[in-house]
Each structure stands twice: as structure tokens, then as C-alpha cells.
Amino acid sequence: MKDKKLGRVFEGSAEYRFLDKLESEERKPARQPDVSFVRQERLPKKLRSYPNVVPDLGVEVESPSDLPYQVEAKIEVYLKAGVGLVWLARPYSRRIDVYRLSKGLIPEPLGIEAKLLGEDILPGFRLAVRDIFDFPADSDPEPDK
């Protein structure tokens, strides 16, 4: 991405204060996607700890302690704020759920044999879901030691 100057990837410490875009929210807590991407033309001239921009792509990684309604609420906030594409990585089921701003909370589940595409957010980006979850499944036998 750097060679193509498509934008900038941020790791989980980037905090976005984009809830001010949502009229129904009185408090404006920071949101920290596990990974996010902002297209080059939308990057602020000065990057601060709280970018004053909505990311184009948000990536969340589901953990064992996540409750389904909490994950859905987080995705809903991202979409309402205008995040164009959200990838929810589900390591335990080895799948990626793709949410698009245009489709709302209707995910497209991508299994281990699928390809994850950057669509219009990251043109040309393709990654096999298999490569993301390149570790033995829980049901796989332990290797001999």
C-alpha cells in the first residue's frame, strides 16, 4: 500500500472520535478498531492521537470474551459513523464477516476457501482467508513433540 500511496494503516492504538457524527450519542468515547485504514486523500494534514476522520476500513478481531450483541453494536456504530467497509475476523470459526456501509448489518461471511477483497476502499487488495488463519484449528490434532 505504501508503494501505491493508497493511504495509511493504523494499529489498535489509534483512537477515533467519530461519534460526534452520530446525533443520538451524547457522550463521545473513543473507538479503537484493532486495525484501520484511511485513504490518502482523506488523511488529515496533522495526525493527532484522535484523528478527526472516520476510517474507510475498520477491522475487528473477535475474542472469546466478546458477546455477540456487543460485537454487533460496535459494528453498527462504525457503519452509522460512515466507515465504508468493516472486516470482523472470527479466529475460532476461521471466517471473516464483511460488512459494507451500503448493506448495513448484513454481513457477507467468508470461509477459509474465500478471498478477502479491498473493494473500492483498497483497490487491488486480495488476501486468502486461509492465509489469515494460518494456524491449526482447535479440532486439529496436536503435532507430535
Foldseek 3Di string as FASTA:
>chain_A
DVVVQQWDKDAQQQWEQLCVLPPVDPDGGTDGARMFTAGNVQFDPDDDSHGDDQTQEGEHEDDPPDDVVNVLVSQQSSLSSPRAWYWYQYLQQLWIWIDGSVVHSDTDIGHQADWDAPPPSDPPDIDGSVVVNVDDHPPDDDDDD
